[in-house]
Amino acid sequence: MSDEGRGEKSASGDEEDGRNDADGPGSERQYHVEVAPGEVASTVLLPGDTERVETIVSLWDESEEVASHREYRTATGTYDGAAISVTSTGIGSPSAAIAVEELAECGVDAFLRVGSCGAIQPEMSVGDLVISSGAVREEGTSDAYVREGYPAVADHEVVSALVAAAERLEYEYHVGITASTDSFFAGQGRAGFEGYLPERGTALLEELKAANVKNFEMEAAAITTLANVFGLRAGAVCTVYANRTTGEFRTEGESRAAETASLAAKLLARMDEVKHEAGSDHWHAGLSLDFD
């Protein structure tokens, strides 16, 4: 094995974990998100838009911005007494994957994607929530990590917490498969500049609709794939802004996904407490989330 092999010393004299100095920042403070261990909670919400950070923290008890670099804006605080953080990721899976990688280095255990989406099924209304149970990997970032057939599956505990939160908040929601793409236009069956739309774009929309896929967005598949690879937890909740079948479009209900994810983080913390008290490694139907 070379001097850069796992477990051996590199030329710089640092203990190797398969990386060298050029592969990362070489310090606990992460290069892109600019946070370090102790500055973020174990559960982090991941919106795309930096401005959604303000929407999210406005729902919390208190918060403090701990970093802002490029598309990555991070705040940490509490929601109903539970520690919680938020980091914006920008648009698309490549930057979202960077956030997951670097936040995991800081000790984050659970990632909740929060955003907007386009519904595919006709019964879904603008303002409804979509909770992803898994995702079709139409993006390319996850291909760098796993083989083609590897499933992008949301953690069942995160899905349960999101469903419980939506129920408690009395928001209309749908649970099912999401399609994550790299392209907002052709990749989601939208005509682009001068009406350009390859045949595959039109076919994809109809194929996914027939397969009961619920919605299009651009990050959930990569986030859930990486979380599974790393043995962490992840899920996604998005507000429907457009229905691609009915033609309806309104930027309505943005705060619903934010509030649902924030409450889900609180419920997830309580679920972990109950598991610990019961001596169980996994959340299951025999456990209860009753609060004193």
Protein backbone atom coordinates (compact mmCIF):
# COMPACT_ATOMS: atom_id res chain seq x y z
CA MET A 1 0.00 0.00 0.00
CA SER A 2 1.25 3.51 -0.79
CA ASP A 3 2.09 6.11 1.85
CA GLU A 4 -1.37 7.61 1.24
CA GLY A 5 -3.19 4.37 2.09
CA ARG A 6 -5.75 4.21 4.87
CA GLY A 7 -4.18 4.07 8.32
CA GLU A 8 -0.70 5.08 7.17
CA LYS A 9 1.13 8.36 7.45
CA SER A 10 1.01 10.79 4.54
CA ALA A 11 3.94 12.89 3.39
CA SER A 12 2.67 15.68 5.67
CA GLY A 13 2.84 13.35 8.66
CA ASP A 14 -0.90 13.40 9.34
CA GLU A 15 -2.84 10.22 10.07
CA GLU A 16 -4.69 9.23 6.93
CA ASP A 17 -8.36 8.33 6.51
CA GLY A 18 -8.06 7.97 2.75
CA ARG A 19 -7.47 11.71 2.14
CA ASN A 20 -4.51 14.02 1.82
CA ASP A 21 -4.11 17.74 2.52
CA ALA A 22 -5.49 18.71 -0.88
CA ASP A 23 -8.71 16.77 -0.26
CA GLY A 24 -10.07 18.98 2.52
CA PRO A 25 -9.49 21.94 4.80
CA GLY A 26 -7.28 20.06 7.26
CA SER A 27 -9.11 21.50 10.27
CA GLU A 28 -12.34 20.99 12.20
CA ARG A 29 -13.86 24.12 10.62
CA GLN A 30 -15.27 22.97 7.32
CA TYR A 31 -14.13 24.59 4.10
CA HIS A 32 -17.47 25.37 2.42
CA VAL A 33 -20.05 25.64 5.21
CA GLU A 34 -17.51 27.26 7.57
CA VAL A 35 -18.85 25.59 10.71
CA ALA A 36 -17.06 23.44 13.27
CA PRO A 37 -18.17 20.74 15.73
CA GLY A 38 -20.20 22.24 18.57
CA GLU A 39 -21.71 24.97 16.40
CA VAL A 40 -24.56 22.90 14.96
CA ALA A 41 -27.18 20.64 16.49
CA SER A 42 -27.46 16.92 15.73
CA THR A 43 -30.46 17.64 13.48
CA VAL A 44 -30.12 20.15 10.65
CA LEU A 45 -32.77 21.46 8.27
CA LEU A 46 -31.55 21.90 4.68
CA PRO A 47 -33.40 24.52 2.60
CA GLY A 48 -31.98 25.55 -0.74
CA ASP A 49 -32.57 29.29 -0.67
CA THR A 50 -30.50 31.34 1.80
CA GLU A 51 -33.55 33.55 2.38
CA ARG A 52 -35.53 30.55 3.64
CA VAL A 53 -33.23 30.47 6.64
CA GLU A 54 -35.00 33.60 7.92
CA THR A 55 -38.40 31.98 7.37
CA ILE A 56 -37.33 28.92 9.32
CA VAL A 57 -35.68 30.59 12.30
CA SER A 58 -38.64 32.97 12.68
CA LEU A 59 -40.57 29.90 13.89
CA TRP A 60 -38.03 28.99 16.57
CA ASP A 61 -37.71 30.03 20.21
CA GLU A 62 -34.36 31.65 19.51
CA SER A 63 -31.53 31.42 17.01
CA GLU A 64 -28.07 32.71 16.17
CA GLU A 65 -26.34 32.79 12.80
CA VAL A 66 -23.07 30.89 13.07
CA ALA A 67 -21.79 31.02 9.48
CA SER A 68 -22.50 32.48 6.05
CA HIS A 69 -20.29 31.52 3.11
CA ARG A 70 -21.32 31.26 -0.55
CA GLU A 71 -24.72 29.51 -0.67
CA TYR A 72 -24.25 28.04 2.80
CA ARG A 73 -25.92 30.04 5.57
CA THR A 74 -26.15 28.36 8.97
CA ALA A 75 -28.05 29.21 12.14
CA THR A 76 -28.44 27.27 15.38
CA GLY A 77 -31.13 27.65 18.03
CA THR A 78 -34.01 25.87 19.72
CA TYR A 79 -37.54 24.94 18.68
CA ASP A 80 -39.91 24.20 21.56
CA GLY A 81 -36.83 23.58 23.70
CA ALA A 82 -35.12 21.19 21.28
CA ALA A 83 -31.72 22.05 19.79
CA ILE A 84 -31.91 22.56 16.03
CA SER A 85 -29.86 24.01 13.17
CA VAL A 86 -30.46 25.07 9.58
CA THR A 87 -28.02 25.28 6.66
CA SER A 88 -28.99 26.51 3.20
CA THR A 89 -27.49 24.48 0.35
CA GLY A 90 -28.20 26.42 -2.84
CA ILE A 91 -29.87 24.81 -5.84
CA GLY A 92 -29.19 21.21 -6.77
CA SER A 93 -27.55 18.05 -5.51
CA PRO A 94 -23.82 18.89 -5.89
CA SER A 95 -23.92 21.69 -3.33
CA ALA A 96 -26.35 19.77 -1.12
CA ALA A 97 -23.93 16.83 -1.03
CA ILE A 98 -21.12 19.14 0.09
CA ALA A 99 -23.32 20.34 2.96
CA VAL A 100 -24.13 16.78 4.04
CA GLU A 101 -20.46 15.75 3.88
CA GLU A 102 -19.19 18.71 5.91
CA LEU A 103 -22.05 18.80 8.43
CA ALA A 104 -21.57 15.08 9.04
CA GLU A 105 -17.95 15.88 9.90
CA CYS A 106 -19.36 18.23 12.55
CA GLY A 107 -21.44 15.48 14.18
CA VAL A 108 -24.81 15.95 12.50
CA ASP A 109 -26.94 12.80 12.65
CA ALA A 110 -30.17 13.81 10.87
CA PHE A 111 -30.80 15.90 7.77
CA LEU A 112 -34.25 17.25 6.88
CA ARG A 113 -34.52 18.71 3.39
CA VAL A 114 -37.01 21.62 3.36
CA GLY A 115 -38.11 23.23 0.13
CA SER A 116 -40.61 23.66 -2.68
CA CYS A 117 -41.56 21.27 -5.45
CA GLY A 118 -43.69 20.60 -8.48
CA ALA A 119 -46.44 18.01 -7.98
CA ILE A 120 -47.07 15.40 -10.65
CA GLN A 121 -50.32 13.79 -9.48
CA PRO A 122 -53.58 15.64 -10.25
CA GLU A 123 -55.10 15.36 -6.76
CA MET A 124 -52.29 17.38 -5.18
CA SER A 125 -52.98 21.07 -4.55
CA VAL A 126 -50.70 24.08 -4.34
CA GLY A 127 -49.79 24.54 -0.66
CA ASP A 128 -49.94 20.82 0.13
CA LEU A 129 -46.86 19.12 1.59
CA VAL A 130 -44.99 16.20 0.07
CA ILE A 131 -43.07 13.98 2.48
CA SER A 132 -40.59 11.85 0.58
CA SER A 133 -40.40 8.16 1.47
CA GLY A 134 -37.74 7.74 -1.19
CA ALA A 135 -36.52 9.28 -4.42
CA VAL A 136 -35.86 8.44 -8.05
CA ARG A 137 -32.20 9.26 -8.65
CA GLU A 138 -32.49 11.40 -11.78
CA GLU A 139 -29.68 13.62 -10.48
CA GLY A 140 -26.06 12.71 -11.11
CA THR A 141 -24.38 13.46 -7.78
CA SER A 142 -25.35 10.21 -6.09
CA ASP A 143 -23.83 8.28 -9.01
CA ALA A 144 -20.41 9.31 -7.71
CA TYR A 145 -21.13 7.46 -4.44
CA VAL A 146 -23.12 4.31 -5.33
CA ARG A 147 -24.05 2.01 -8.20
CA GLU A 148 -27.06 2.67 -10.43
CA GLY A 149 -29.47 0.35 -8.61
CA TYR A 150 -28.82 1.73 -5.11
CA PRO A 151 -32.07 3.14 -3.67
CA ALA A 152 -32.43 6.66 -2.33
CA VAL A 153 -34.56 5.85 0.72
CA ALA A 154 -35.61 8.25 3.44
CA ASP A 155 -35.04 7.13 7.03
CA HIS A 156 -38.24 5.67 8.45
CA GLU A 157 -37.87 7.58 11.72
CA VAL A 158 -37.55 10.88 9.88
CA VAL A 159 -40.58 10.06 7.73
CA SER A 160 -42.57 9.14 10.85
CA ALA A 161 -41.58 12.40 12.56
CA LEU A 162 -42.54 14.46 9.49
CA VAL A 163 -45.91 12.71 9.20
CA ALA A 164 -46.60 13.20 12.92
CA ALA A 165 -45.67 16.88 12.63
CA ALA A 166 -47.94 17.44 9.62
CA GLU A 167 -50.78 15.70 11.46
CA ARG A 168 -50.32 17.82 14.58
CA LEU A 169 -50.19 21.00 12.51
CA GLU A 170 -53.22 19.86 10.48
CA TYR A 171 -51.54 20.46 7.12
CA GLU A 172 -52.58 18.59 4.00
CA TYR A 173 -49.77 16.21 3.04
CA HIS A 174 -48.86 13.33 0.75
CA VAL A 175 -46.28 10.61 1.37
CA GLY A 176 -44.52 8.89 -1.49
CA ILE A 177 -41.72 8.80 -4.01
CA THR A 178 -40.01 11.99 -5.18
CA ALA A 179 -38.02 12.46 -8.40
CA SER A 180 -34.81 14.46 -7.95
CA THR A 181 -33.32 15.97 -11.09
CA ASP A 182 -30.31 18.07 -12.06
CA SER A 183 -32.29 20.18 -14.52
CA PHE A 184 -35.23 22.43 -13.62
CA PHE A 185 -36.25 22.66 -17.28
CA ALA A 186 -35.58 19.72 -19.63
CA GLY A 187 -34.92 17.33 -16.76
CA GLN A 188 -38.42 17.94 -15.39
CA GLY A 189 -40.20 17.98 -18.73
CA ARG A 190 -40.34 21.78 -19.05
CA ALA A 191 -39.72 23.53 -22.33
CA GLY A 192 -36.72 25.85 -22.04
CA PHE A 193 -35.24 28.57 -24.23
CA GLU A 194 -37.03 28.85 -27.58
CA GLY A 195 -39.26 25.95 -26.53
CA TYR A 196 -36.47 23.40 -26.46
CA LEU A 197 -37.52 20.11 -24.88
CA PRO A 198 -35.95 16.77 -25.85
CA GLU A 199 -38.30 13.85 -26.34
CA ARG A 200 -36.98 12.19 -23.20
CA GLY A 201 -38.21 15.12 -21.09
CA THR A 202 -41.83 14.66 -22.14
CA ALA A 203 -41.59 10.89 -21.81
CA LEU A 204 -40.07 11.12 -18.33
CA LEU A 205 -42.91 13.22 -16.95
CA GLU A 206 -45.55 10.79 -18.17
CA GLU A 207 -43.56 7.76 -17.04
CA LEU A 208 -43.12 9.08 -13.50
CA LYS A 209 -46.76 10.13 -13.29
CA ALA A 210 -47.85 6.62 -14.30
CA ALA A 211 -45.52 5.15 -11.65
CA ASN A 212 -47.25 7.22 -8.93
CA VAL A 213 -44.23 9.44 -8.29
CA LYS A 214 -45.50 12.44 -6.33
CA ASN A 215 -43.25 15.35 -7.22
CA PHE A 216 -40.15 16.86 -8.79
CA GLU A 217 -37.38 18.61 -6.85
CA MET A 218 -33.58 18.67 -7.02
CA GLU A 219 -31.89 17.53 -3.80
CA ALA A 220 -33.69 14.76 -1.89
CA ALA A 221 -32.13 11.80 -3.73
CA ALA A 222 -28.56 12.89 -3.09
CA ILE A 223 -29.23 13.83 0.54
CA THR A 224 -30.93 10.53 1.39
CA THR A 225 -28.38 8.47 -0.55
CA LEU A 226 -25.43 10.03 1.24
CA ALA A 227 -27.13 9.69 4.61
CA ASN A 228 -27.68 5.98 4.02
CA VAL A 229 -24.09 5.49 2.87
CA PHE A 230 -22.81 7.23 6.01
CA GLY A 231 -25.22 5.48 8.39
CA LEU A 232 -27.08 8.71 9.17
CA ARG A 233 -30.74 9.74 8.89
CA ALA A 234 -32.41 11.93 6.28
CA GLY A 235 -35.75 12.83 4.81
CA ALA A 236 -37.50 15.61 2.93
CA VAL A 237 -40.63 17.73 3.12
CA CYS A 238 -41.54 20.17 0.36
CA THR A 239 -44.41 22.55 -0.25
CA VAL A 240 -46.16 22.22 -3.60
CA TYR A 241 -45.77 25.43 -5.62
CA ALA A 242 -46.88 24.00 -8.95
CA ASN A 243 -48.95 21.09 -10.20
CA ARG A 244 -47.51 19.95 -13.51
CA THR A 245 -50.69 18.08 -14.42
CA THR A 246 -53.32 20.74 -13.68
CA GLY A 247 -51.14 23.75 -14.59
CA GLU A 248 -51.73 25.42 -11.23
CA PHE A 249 -48.89 27.59 -9.88
CA ARG A 250 -48.61 29.80 -6.78
CA THR A 251 -45.78 30.44 -4.32
CA GLU A 252 -48.00 29.61 -1.38
CA GLY A 253 -47.41 27.85 1.93
CA GLU A 254 -43.64 28.20 2.16
CA SER A 255 -43.71 28.30 5.96
CA ARG A 256 -45.68 25.03 6.17
CA ALA A 257 -42.70 22.89 5.18
CA ALA A 258 -40.47 24.94 7.49
CA GLU A 259 -42.80 24.54 10.46
CA THR A 260 -43.36 20.84 9.76
CA ALA A 261 -39.64 20.15 9.57
CA SER A 262 -38.94 22.15 12.73
CA LEU A 263 -41.59 20.26 14.69
CA ALA A 264 -40.33 16.99 13.20
CA ALA A 265 -36.85 17.77 14.55
CA LYS A 266 -38.41 18.21 18.01
CA LEU A 267 -40.33 14.93 17.64
CA LEU A 268 -37.24 13.14 16.39
CA ALA A 269 -35.36 14.21 19.52
CA ARG A 270 -38.21 12.88 21.65
CA MET A 271 -38.25 9.62 19.67
CA ASP A 272 -34.55 9.19 20.42
CA GLU A 273 -35.22 9.72 24.13
CA VAL A 274 -38.02 7.14 24.10
CA LYS A 275 -35.83 4.63 22.26
CA HIS A 276 -33.10 5.10 24.84
CA GLU A 277 -35.54 4.67 27.73
CA ALA A 278 -36.97 1.50 26.15
CA GLY A 279 -33.55 0.10 25.30
CA SER A 280 -34.46 -0.05 21.62
CA ASP A 281 -32.16 0.73 18.70
CA HIS A 282 -35.06 1.56 16.39
CA TRP A 283 -38.34 3.44 16.57
CA HIS A 284 -41.35 1.15 16.15
CA ALA A 285 -45.13 1.14 16.52
CA GLY A 286 -44.98 -0.21 20.07
CA LEU A 287 -43.39 2.99 21.36
CA SER A 288 -45.26 6.17 22.25
CA LEU A 289 -44.50 9.87 21.86
CA ASP A 290 -46.81 10.97 24.67
CA PHE A 291 -45.47 14.08 26.41
CA ASP A 292 -45.80 14.75 30.12
